[in-house]
């Protein structure tokens, strides 16, 4: 279950301990703000000292709350994340689970399965693997779906089995021609 987590500067009382990386990201935001002229040098030095002395993520959030997003985004970075402890501030710019994966192309799966079945079906599924593989790769380029590797696997195995059957048939015809002459 996803719940909203609130940093201390929004009244949640964050007690999550800050890591060295959290402190460095906060200092980077402070450096960017100082470089843009958003604070004077004495204030910058004071905030940097407080950032290195901060024990919790909430304290770091207070130090950068009035600055625009930088390497450590400000208040907008405290996103809704799955967490069991209530009211913990968890800064993430873009959680890895927030990006949806593209849908797998069905024809690519079919091409891969037919290509693998070429090995046990004596190559009889080679032509369907080739047809499905070419069709899947065209759809993948058009729609951006996943499955290009499966389609390519089906194509390679399908063409190899088709070439194998063509070689066997050619040798049989040569053998028939030689024995009949």
N, C-alpha and C. Protein backbone atom coordinates (compact mmCIF):
# COMPACT_ATOMS: atom_id res chain seq x y z
N UNK A 1 0.84 -1.18 0.00
CA UNK A 1 0.00 0.00 0.00
C UNK A 1 0.88 1.24 0.00
N UNK A 2 0.53 2.22 -0.77
CA UNK A 2 1.29 3.46 -0.84
C UNK A 2 0.67 4.49 0.08
N UNK A 3 1.52 5.12 0.87
CA UNK A 3 1.03 6.16 1.75
C UNK A 3 1.87 7.40 1.55
N UNK A 4 1.29 8.53 1.84
CA UNK A 4 2.03 9.78 1.73
C UNK A 4 2.97 9.91 2.91
N UNK A 5 4.18 10.35 2.64
CA UNK A 5 5.13 10.58 3.71
C UNK A 5 5.42 12.06 3.75
N UNK A 6 5.43 12.62 4.93
CA UNK A 6 5.56 14.07 5.08
C UNK A 6 6.85 14.41 5.81
N UNK A 7 7.69 15.27 5.25
CA UNK A 7 8.88 15.70 5.96
C UNK A 7 8.52 16.62 7.11
N UNK A 8 9.49 16.85 8.01
CA UNK A 8 9.19 17.60 9.23
C UNK A 8 8.78 19.03 8.95
N UNK A 9 9.25 19.64 7.85
CA UNK A 9 8.88 21.02 7.60
C UNK A 9 7.43 21.14 7.16
N UNK A 10 6.73 19.99 7.01
CA UNK A 10 5.29 20.03 6.73
C UNK A 10 4.50 19.48 7.91
N UNK A 11 5.15 19.39 9.05
CA UNK A 11 4.42 18.99 10.24
C UNK A 11 4.44 17.51 10.54
N UNK A 12 5.21 16.71 9.80
CA UNK A 12 5.21 15.28 10.04
C UNK A 12 6.23 14.84 11.08
N UNK A 13 7.21 15.66 11.42
CA UNK A 13 8.20 15.29 12.42
C UNK A 13 9.10 14.17 11.95
N UNK A 14 9.79 14.34 10.81
CA UNK A 14 10.63 13.30 10.25
C UNK A 14 11.76 12.94 11.19
N UNK A 15 11.95 11.64 11.40
CA UNK A 15 13.02 11.18 12.26
C UNK A 15 13.97 10.26 11.50
N UNK A 16 13.82 10.14 10.18
CA UNK A 16 14.72 9.30 9.41
C UNK A 16 16.11 9.92 9.43
N UNK A 17 17.09 9.13 9.81
CA UNK A 17 18.45 9.63 9.88
C UNK A 17 18.99 9.92 8.48
N UNK A 18 19.73 11.01 8.37
CA UNK A 18 20.30 11.42 7.09
C UNK A 18 21.60 10.67 6.85
N UNK A 19 21.84 10.29 5.61
CA UNK A 19 23.09 9.64 5.23
C UNK A 19 24.08 10.70 4.77
N UNK A 20 25.33 10.27 4.58
CA UNK A 20 26.34 11.19 4.06
C UNK A 20 25.95 11.69 2.67
N UNK A 21 25.37 10.78 1.86
CA UNK A 21 24.93 11.16 0.51
C UNK A 21 23.81 12.19 0.58
N UNK A 22 22.88 12.06 1.53
CA UNK A 22 21.81 13.05 1.70
C UNK A 22 22.39 14.42 2.02
N UNK A 23 23.38 14.43 2.91
CA UNK A 23 24.01 15.71 3.27
C UNK A 23 24.71 16.34 2.07
N UNK A 24 25.42 15.51 1.30
CA UNK A 24 26.14 16.04 0.12
C UNK A 24 25.17 16.59 -0.92
N UNK A 25 24.04 15.92 -1.11
CA UNK A 25 23.05 16.43 -2.06
C UNK A 25 22.48 17.75 -1.59
N UNK A 26 22.23 17.87 -0.29
CA UNK A 26 21.72 19.14 0.25
C UNK A 26 22.76 20.24 0.08
N UNK A 27 24.04 19.94 0.30
CA UNK A 27 25.10 20.94 0.11
C UNK A 27 25.19 21.33 -1.37
N UNK A 28 24.98 20.38 -2.27
CA UNK A 28 24.99 20.71 -3.70
C UNK A 28 23.87 21.69 -4.04
N UNK A 29 22.69 21.48 -3.46
CA UNK A 29 21.58 22.41 -3.69
C UNK A 29 21.94 23.79 -3.13
N UNK A 30 22.55 23.81 -1.95
CA UNK A 30 22.96 25.09 -1.37
C UNK A 30 24.00 25.78 -2.24
N UNK A 31 24.95 25.02 -2.78
CA UNK A 31 25.96 25.61 -3.68
C UNK A 31 25.31 26.20 -4.92
N UNK A 32 24.33 25.48 -5.47
CA UNK A 32 23.63 25.99 -6.65
C UNK A 32 22.88 27.27 -6.31
N UNK A 33 22.22 27.29 -5.17
CA UNK A 33 21.50 28.50 -4.75
C UNK A 33 22.44 29.67 -4.52
N UNK A 34 23.59 29.40 -3.91
CA UNK A 34 24.57 30.46 -3.68
C UNK A 34 25.13 30.96 -5.02
N UNK A 35 25.41 30.04 -5.92
CA UNK A 35 25.93 30.41 -7.23
C UNK A 35 24.95 31.24 -8.04
N UNK A 36 23.66 31.05 -7.81
CA UNK A 36 22.63 31.83 -8.51
C UNK A 36 22.34 33.15 -7.81
N UNK A 37 23.01 33.40 -6.69
CA UNK A 37 22.82 34.66 -5.97
C UNK A 37 21.57 34.68 -5.10
N UNK A 38 21.10 33.53 -4.67
CA UNK A 38 19.89 33.46 -3.86
C UNK A 38 20.16 33.67 -2.37
N UNK A 39 21.45 33.67 -1.99
CA UNK A 39 21.80 33.92 -0.59
C UNK A 39 23.22 34.51 -0.55
N UNK A 40 23.51 35.19 0.52
CA UNK A 40 24.83 35.79 0.73
C UNK A 40 25.77 34.74 1.30
N UNK A 41 27.08 35.04 1.25
CA UNK A 41 28.08 34.08 1.69
C UNK A 41 27.94 33.68 3.16
N UNK A 42 27.69 34.62 4.09
CA UNK A 42 27.55 34.18 5.49
C UNK A 42 26.39 33.20 5.69
N UNK A 43 25.27 33.47 5.01
CA UNK A 43 24.12 32.57 5.13
C UNK A 43 24.45 31.21 4.51
N UNK A 44 25.14 31.23 3.35
CA UNK A 44 25.54 29.99 2.69
C UNK A 44 26.42 29.16 3.61
N UNK A 45 27.43 29.78 4.21
CA UNK A 45 28.34 29.05 5.09
C UNK A 45 27.62 28.49 6.31
N UNK A 46 26.69 29.27 6.83
CA UNK A 46 25.92 28.82 7.99
C UNK A 46 25.06 27.60 7.63
N UNK A 47 24.40 27.65 6.46
CA UNK A 47 23.55 26.53 6.03
C UNK A 47 24.38 25.29 5.74
N UNK A 48 25.55 25.47 5.13
CA UNK A 48 26.41 24.31 4.84
C UNK A 48 26.84 23.65 6.15
N UNK A 49 27.21 24.46 7.13
CA UNK A 49 27.59 23.91 8.43
C UNK A 49 26.42 23.15 9.07
N UNK A 50 25.23 23.71 8.95
CA UNK A 50 24.05 23.04 9.51
C UNK A 50 23.73 21.75 8.74
N UNK A 51 24.00 21.75 7.40
CA UNK A 51 23.75 20.55 6.60
C UNK A 51 24.67 19.42 7.05
N UNK A 52 25.94 19.73 7.25
CA UNK A 52 26.87 18.68 7.68
C UNK A 52 26.60 18.23 9.12
N UNK A 53 25.95 19.07 9.91
CA UNK A 53 25.64 18.71 11.29
C UNK A 53 24.25 18.07 11.42
N UNK A 54 23.46 18.09 10.36
CA UNK A 54 22.08 17.57 10.41
C UNK A 54 22.07 16.08 10.71
N UNK A 55 21.13 15.67 11.55
CA UNK A 55 20.99 14.25 11.89
C UNK A 55 19.86 13.58 11.12
N UNK A 56 18.85 14.37 10.71
CA UNK A 56 17.69 13.77 10.04
C UNK A 56 17.49 14.39 8.66
N UNK A 57 16.75 13.66 7.84
CA UNK A 57 16.41 14.14 6.50
C UNK A 57 15.50 15.37 6.60
N UNK A 58 14.67 15.42 7.62
CA UNK A 58 13.79 16.56 7.81
C UNK A 58 14.57 17.85 8.03
N UNK A 59 15.68 17.77 8.78
CA UNK A 59 16.51 18.96 8.99
C UNK A 59 17.11 19.43 7.66
N UNK A 60 17.53 18.48 6.83
CA UNK A 60 18.07 18.85 5.51
C UNK A 60 16.98 19.48 4.65
N UNK A 61 15.76 18.95 4.75
CA UNK A 61 14.65 19.52 3.99
C UNK A 61 14.39 20.97 4.37
N UNK A 62 14.54 21.29 5.64
CA UNK A 62 14.37 22.68 6.09
C UNK A 62 15.42 23.60 5.47
N UNK A 63 16.64 23.10 5.32
CA UNK A 63 17.73 23.93 4.81
C UNK A 63 17.56 24.29 3.34
N UNK A 64 16.92 23.42 2.57
CA UNK A 64 16.80 23.65 1.13
C UNK A 64 15.37 23.93 0.70
N UNK A 65 14.44 24.05 1.65
CA UNK A 65 13.02 24.19 1.31
C UNK A 65 12.72 25.47 0.54
N UNK A 66 13.49 26.54 0.76
CA UNK A 66 13.21 27.80 0.08
C UNK A 66 14.04 27.98 -1.19
N UNK A 67 14.73 26.93 -1.64
CA UNK A 67 15.55 27.01 -2.85
C UNK A 67 14.89 26.20 -3.97
N UNK A 68 15.13 26.61 -5.22
CA UNK A 68 14.56 25.85 -6.33
C UNK A 68 15.20 24.47 -6.43
N UNK A 69 14.58 23.61 -7.19
CA UNK A 69 15.09 22.24 -7.33
C UNK A 69 16.49 22.26 -7.90
N UNK A 70 17.33 21.43 -7.32
CA UNK A 70 18.70 21.28 -7.77
C UNK A 70 19.04 19.82 -7.78
N UNK A 71 20.29 19.44 -7.50
CA UNK A 71 20.64 18.03 -7.43
C UNK A 71 19.81 17.26 -6.42
N UNK A 72 19.41 17.92 -5.33
CA UNK A 72 18.45 17.33 -4.38
C UNK A 72 17.21 18.18 -4.49
N UNK A 73 16.16 17.69 -5.18
CA UNK A 73 14.98 18.52 -5.31
C UNK A 73 14.44 18.90 -3.94
N UNK A 74 13.79 20.04 -3.90
CA UNK A 74 13.26 20.56 -2.65
C UNK A 74 12.03 19.83 -2.18
N UNK A 75 11.02 20.54 -1.70
CA UNK A 75 9.86 19.92 -1.09
C UNK A 75 9.12 18.95 -1.99
N UNK A 76 9.18 19.13 -3.31
CA UNK A 76 8.46 18.23 -4.21
C UNK A 76 9.08 16.85 -4.26
N UNK A 77 10.31 16.70 -3.73
CA UNK A 77 10.99 15.41 -3.82
C UNK A 77 10.44 14.40 -2.83
N UNK A 78 9.74 14.84 -1.81
CA UNK A 78 9.24 13.92 -0.82
C UNK A 78 7.93 13.35 -1.36
N UNK A 79 8.08 12.26 -2.11
CA UNK A 79 6.97 11.68 -2.86
C UNK A 79 6.23 10.63 -2.04
N UNK A 80 5.11 10.20 -2.58
CA UNK A 80 4.39 9.09 -1.99
C UNK A 80 5.14 7.82 -2.35
N UNK A 81 5.59 7.11 -1.34
CA UNK A 81 6.34 5.88 -1.57
C UNK A 81 5.79 4.79 -0.68
N UNK A 82 5.94 3.52 -1.09
CA UNK A 82 5.50 2.46 -0.22
C UNK A 82 6.43 2.39 0.99
N UNK A 83 5.88 2.48 2.18
CA UNK A 83 6.69 2.49 3.38
C UNK A 83 5.83 2.05 4.53
N UNK A 84 6.42 1.33 5.47
CA UNK A 84 5.62 0.84 6.58
C UNK A 84 5.59 1.80 7.75
N UNK A 85 6.66 2.56 7.96
CA UNK A 85 6.68 3.49 9.09
C UNK A 85 5.97 4.77 8.69
N UNK A 86 5.05 5.27 9.51
CA UNK A 86 4.33 6.48 9.14
C UNK A 86 5.21 7.72 9.27
N UNK A 87 4.95 8.68 8.40
CA UNK A 87 5.56 10.00 8.45
C UNK A 87 7.09 9.98 8.36
N UNK A 88 7.63 9.20 7.47
CA UNK A 88 9.07 9.23 7.23
C UNK A 88 9.33 9.97 5.94
N UNK A 89 10.30 10.86 5.96
CA UNK A 89 10.65 11.59 4.75
C UNK A 89 11.61 10.75 3.95
N UNK A 90 11.24 10.45 2.71
CA UNK A 90 12.08 9.64 1.84
C UNK A 90 12.31 10.44 0.56
N UNK A 91 13.47 11.10 0.44
CA UNK A 91 13.71 11.89 -0.76
C UNK A 91 14.13 11.01 -1.93
N UNK A 92 13.38 11.07 -3.00
CA UNK A 92 13.71 10.36 -4.24
C UNK A 92 13.34 11.27 -5.39
N UNK A 93 14.27 11.50 -6.29
CA UNK A 93 13.97 12.34 -7.45
C UNK A 93 13.06 11.59 -8.42
N UNK A 94 13.38 10.33 -8.69
CA UNK A 94 12.56 9.53 -9.58
C UNK A 94 12.71 8.07 -9.17
N UNK A 95 11.80 7.55 -8.38
CA UNK A 95 11.93 6.17 -7.94
C UNK A 95 11.93 5.21 -9.12
N UNK A 96 12.72 4.15 -9.02
CA UNK A 96 12.84 3.22 -10.13
C UNK A 96 11.54 2.51 -10.44
N UNK A 97 10.65 2.39 -9.47
CA UNK A 97 9.40 1.68 -9.71
C UNK A 97 8.33 2.58 -10.31
N UNK A 98 8.62 3.87 -10.46
CA UNK A 98 7.62 4.79 -10.99
C UNK A 98 7.58 4.78 -12.51
N UNK A 99 8.59 4.21 -13.15
CA UNK A 99 8.66 4.20 -14.60
C UNK A 99 8.02 2.92 -15.10
N UNK A 100 6.93 3.02 -15.85
CA UNK A 100 6.28 1.80 -16.34
C UNK A 100 7.11 1.16 -17.45
N UNK A 101 7.15 -0.15 -17.43
CA UNK A 101 7.88 -0.86 -18.48
C UNK A 101 6.98 -1.00 -19.70
N UNK A 102 7.58 -0.99 -20.90
CA UNK A 102 6.75 -1.16 -22.10
C UNK A 102 6.16 -2.57 -22.16
N UNK A 103 5.01 -2.64 -22.79
CA UNK A 103 4.29 -3.92 -22.94
C UNK A 103 5.05 -4.84 -23.89
N UNK A 104 5.06 -6.13 -23.61
CA UNK A 104 5.73 -7.11 -24.45
C UNK A 104 4.89 -7.38 -25.69
N UNK A 105 5.52 -7.37 -26.85
CA UNK A 105 4.84 -7.63 -28.10
C UNK A 105 4.50 -9.12 -28.20
N UNK A 106 3.24 -9.44 -28.45
CA UNK A 106 2.79 -10.83 -28.52
C UNK A 106 3.39 -11.60 -29.67
N UNK A 107 3.56 -10.94 -30.82
CA UNK A 107 4.15 -11.63 -31.97
C UNK A 107 5.62 -11.95 -31.71
N UNK A 108 6.30 -11.10 -30.94
CA UNK A 108 7.69 -11.37 -30.59
C UNK A 108 7.79 -12.62 -29.71
N UNK A 109 6.85 -12.76 -28.78
CA UNK A 109 6.83 -13.96 -27.94
C UNK A 109 6.58 -15.18 -28.81
N UNK A 110 5.63 -15.07 -29.73
CA UNK A 110 5.34 -16.17 -30.64
C UNK A 110 6.54 -16.54 -31.50
N UNK A 111 7.27 -15.53 -31.99
CA UNK A 111 8.45 -15.79 -32.81
C UNK A 111 9.52 -16.50 -31.99
N UNK A 112 9.71 -16.06 -30.75
CA UNK A 112 10.71 -16.70 -29.90
C UNK A 112 10.34 -18.15 -29.59
N UNK A 113 9.07 -18.40 -29.31
CA UNK A 113 8.62 -19.76 -29.01
C UNK A 113 8.75 -20.64 -30.24
N UNK A 114 8.32 -20.16 -31.39
CA UNK A 114 8.45 -20.95 -32.62
C UNK A 114 9.92 -21.20 -32.96
N UNK A 115 10.76 -20.21 -32.72
CA UNK A 115 12.19 -20.39 -32.98
C UNK A 115 12.78 -21.47 -32.09
N UNK A 116 12.40 -21.47 -30.82
CA UNK A 116 12.91 -22.50 -29.91
C UNK A 116 12.33 -23.87 -30.24
N UNK A 117 11.09 -23.90 -30.69
CA UNK A 117 10.47 -25.18 -31.06
C UNK A 117 11.10 -25.76 -32.33
N UNK A 118 11.81 -24.96 -33.11
CA UNK A 118 12.51 -25.48 -34.29
C UNK A 118 13.48 -26.58 -33.88
N UNK A 119 14.05 -26.45 -32.70
CA UNK A 119 15.04 -27.41 -32.24
C UNK A 119 14.43 -28.77 -31.94
N UNK A 120 13.19 -28.80 -31.48
CA UNK A 120 12.55 -30.07 -31.13
C UNK A 120 11.56 -30.55 -32.19
N UNK A 121 11.16 -29.68 -33.11
CA UNK A 121 10.18 -30.08 -34.12
C UNK A 121 10.83 -30.33 -35.48
N UNK A 122 12.13 -30.52 -35.46
CA UNK A 122 12.90 -30.77 -36.68
C UNK A 122 12.76 -29.63 -37.68
N UNK A 123 12.55 -28.40 -37.20
CA UNK A 123 12.53 -27.22 -38.05
C UNK A 123 11.20 -26.89 -38.68
N UNK A 124 10.14 -27.60 -38.32
CA UNK A 124 8.85 -27.34 -38.94
C UNK A 124 8.23 -26.01 -38.50
N UNK A 125 8.68 -25.45 -37.40
CA UNK A 125 8.16 -24.16 -36.96
C UNK A 125 9.05 -23.00 -37.41
N UNK A 126 9.97 -23.26 -38.31
CA UNK A 126 10.90 -22.23 -38.78
C UNK A 126 10.22 -21.11 -39.55
N UNK A 127 9.35 -21.47 -40.49
CA UNK A 127 8.69 -20.44 -41.31
C UNK A 127 7.77 -19.57 -40.46
N UNK A 128 6.95 -20.15 -39.56
CA UNK A 128 6.16 -19.27 -38.69
C UNK A 128 7.05 -18.36 -37.82
N UNK A 129 8.20 -18.86 -37.39
CA UNK A 129 9.11 -18.04 -36.58
C UNK A 129 9.62 -16.85 -37.39
N UNK A 130 9.93 -17.08 -38.66
CA UNK A 130 10.42 -16.00 -39.52
C UNK A 130 9.33 -14.97 -39.77
N UNK A 131 8.13 -15.45 -40.11
CA UNK A 131 7.02 -14.53 -40.39
C UNK A 131 6.67 -13.71 -39.15
N UNK A 132 6.53 -14.37 -38.01
CA UNK A 132 6.21 -13.66 -36.77
C UNK A 132 7.33 -12.72 -36.35
N UNK A 133 8.57 -13.14 -36.55
CA UNK A 133 9.71 -12.30 -36.17
C UNK A 133 9.76 -11.01 -36.96
N UNK A 134 9.59 -11.10 -38.28
CA UNK A 134 9.59 -9.87 -39.11
C UNK A 134 8.41 -8.97 -38.76
N UNK A 135 7.24 -9.57 -38.58
CA UNK A 135 6.06 -8.78 -38.23
C UNK A 135 6.22 -8.11 -36.87
N UNK A 136 6.78 -8.84 -35.91
CA UNK A 136 6.96 -8.29 -34.55
C UNK A 136 7.96 -7.14 -34.56
N UNK A 137 9.06 -7.30 -35.29
CA UNK A 137 10.06 -6.22 -35.31
C UNK A 137 9.50 -4.96 -35.95
N UNK A 138 8.64 -5.11 -36.95
CA UNK A 138 8.02 -3.93 -37.57
C UNK A 138 7.08 -3.25 -36.56
N UNK A 139 6.29 -4.04 -35.84
CA UNK A 139 5.39 -3.47 -34.83
C UNK A 139 6.16 -2.82 -33.68
N UNK A 140 7.25 -3.44 -33.27
CA UNK A 140 8.06 -2.90 -32.17
C UNK A 140 8.64 -1.55 -32.55
N UNK A 141 9.14 -1.43 -33.77
CA UNK A 141 9.66 -0.13 -34.22
C UNK A 141 8.57 0.93 -34.26
N UNK A 142 7.37 0.53 -34.62
CA UNK A 142 6.26 1.48 -34.74
C UNK A 142 5.68 1.87 -33.38
N UNK A 143 5.54 0.90 -32.47
CA UNK A 143 4.84 1.16 -31.21
C UNK A 143 5.75 1.35 -30.00
N UNK A 144 7.01 0.92 -30.09
CA UNK A 144 7.92 1.05 -28.96
C UNK A 144 7.73 -0.03 -27.90
N UNK A 145 7.06 -1.11 -28.25
CA UNK A 145 6.86 -2.21 -27.31
C UNK A 145 8.18 -2.93 -27.06
N UNK A 146 8.19 -3.78 -26.05
CA UNK A 146 9.37 -4.59 -25.74
C UNK A 146 9.29 -5.90 -26.51
N UNK A 147 10.41 -6.61 -26.60
CA UNK A 147 10.43 -7.94 -27.20
C UNK A 147 11.28 -8.06 -28.44
N UNK A 148 12.11 -7.07 -28.72
CA UNK A 148 12.94 -7.13 -29.93
C UNK A 148 13.89 -8.31 -29.88
N UNK A 149 14.44 -8.62 -28.72
CA UNK A 149 15.38 -9.75 -28.61
C UNK A 149 14.68 -11.08 -28.90
N UNK A 150 13.44 -11.22 -28.41
CA UNK A 150 12.69 -12.45 -28.70
C UNK A 150 12.39 -12.57 -30.19
N UNK A 151 12.01 -11.47 -30.81
CA UNK A 151 11.72 -11.50 -32.24
C UNK A 151 12.98 -11.85 -33.03
N UNK A 152 14.10 -11.29 -32.64
CA UNK A 152 15.36 -11.57 -33.32
C UNK A 152 15.78 -13.02 -33.11
N UNK A 153 15.56 -13.55 -31.92
CA UNK A 153 15.86 -14.96 -31.66
C UNK A 153 15.02 -15.86 -32.56
N UNK A 154 13.74 -15.54 -32.67
CA UNK A 154 12.87 -16.32 -33.55
C UNK A 154 13.30 -16.23 -35.00
N UNK A 155 13.72 -15.04 -35.42
CA UNK A 155 14.19 -14.88 -36.80
C UNK A 155 15.44 -15.71 -37.08
N UNK A 156 16.41 -15.62 -36.19
CA UNK A 156 17.67 -16.34 -36.42
C UNK A 156 17.43 -17.85 -36.45
N UNK A 157 16.72 -18.37 -35.44
CA UNK A 157 16.47 -19.81 -35.40
C UNK A 157 15.57 -20.25 -36.56
N UNK A 158 14.60 -19.43 -36.91
CA UNK A 158 13.72 -19.77 -38.04
C UNK A 158 14.46 -19.81 -39.35
N UNK A 159 15.31 -18.82 -39.61
CA UNK A 159 16.08 -18.81 -40.86
C UNK A 159 17.10 -19.95 -40.88
N UNK A 160 17.68 -20.28 -39.73
CA UNK A 160 18.64 -21.39 -39.69
C UNK A 160 17.95 -22.71 -40.00
N UNK A 161 16.75 -22.92 -39.47
CA UNK A 161 16.05 -24.17 -39.75
C UNK A 161 15.57 -24.21 -41.20
N UNK A 162 15.14 -23.07 -41.72
CA UNK A 162 14.71 -23.01 -43.13
C UNK A 162 15.89 -23.28 -44.05
N UNK A 163 17.06 -22.70 -43.74
CA UNK A 163 18.26 -22.96 -44.54
C UNK A 163 18.68 -24.42 -44.42
N UNK A 164 18.53 -24.99 -43.22
CA UNK A 164 18.86 -26.41 -43.05
C UNK A 164 17.98 -27.29 -43.89
N UNK A 165 16.67 -27.02 -43.90
CA UNK A 165 15.76 -27.81 -44.73
C UNK A 165 16.04 -27.62 -46.21
N UNK A 166 16.38 -26.39 -46.61
CA UNK A 166 16.72 -26.14 -48.02
C UNK A 166 17.96 -26.93 -48.41
N UNK A 167 18.94 -27.00 -47.52
CA UNK A 167 20.16 -27.77 -47.79
C UNK A 167 19.86 -29.25 -47.90
N UNK A 168 19.04 -29.77 -46.98
CA UNK A 168 18.67 -31.20 -47.01
C UNK A 168 17.93 -31.52 -48.30
N UNK A 169 16.97 -30.70 -48.69
CA UNK A 169 16.21 -30.95 -49.93
C UNK A 169 17.11 -30.86 -51.15
N UNK A 170 18.05 -29.91 -51.17
CA UNK A 170 18.99 -29.80 -52.30
C UNK A 170 19.86 -31.04 -52.40
N UNK A 171 20.36 -31.52 -51.27
CA UNK A 171 21.19 -32.73 -51.29
C UNK A 171 20.39 -33.95 -51.73
N UNK A 172 19.11 -34.02 -51.31
CA UNK A 172 18.27 -35.15 -51.75
C UNK A 172 18.03 -35.10 -53.26
N UNK A 173 17.81 -33.90 -53.82
CA UNK A 173 17.61 -33.78 -55.27
C UNK A 173 18.89 -34.13 -56.02
N UNK A 174 20.04 -33.72 -55.52
CA UNK A 174 21.30 -34.06 -56.18
C UNK A 174 21.52 -35.56 -56.12
N UNK A 175 21.25 -36.17 -54.96
CA UNK A 175 21.43 -37.59 -54.80
C UNK A 175 20.49 -38.36 -55.73
N UNK A 176 19.24 -37.89 -55.87
CA UNK A 176 18.28 -38.54 -56.77
C UNK A 176 18.71 -38.41 -58.21
N UNK A 177 19.26 -37.25 -58.58
CA UNK A 177 19.70 -37.03 -59.95
C UNK A 177 20.90 -37.89 -60.28
N UNK A 178 21.81 -38.04 -59.34
CA UNK A 178 23.02 -38.83 -59.56
C UNK A 178 22.66 -40.31 -59.63
N UNK A 179 21.78 -40.79 -58.77
CA UNK A 179 21.44 -42.20 -58.77
C UNK A 179 20.54 -42.59 -59.95
N UNK A 180 19.82 -41.64 -60.49
CA UNK A 180 18.91 -41.91 -61.59
C UNK A 180 19.61 -41.81 -62.94
N UNK A 181 20.80 -41.28 -62.99
CA UNK A 181 21.47 -41.10 -64.28
C UNK A 181 22.29 -42.25 -64.69
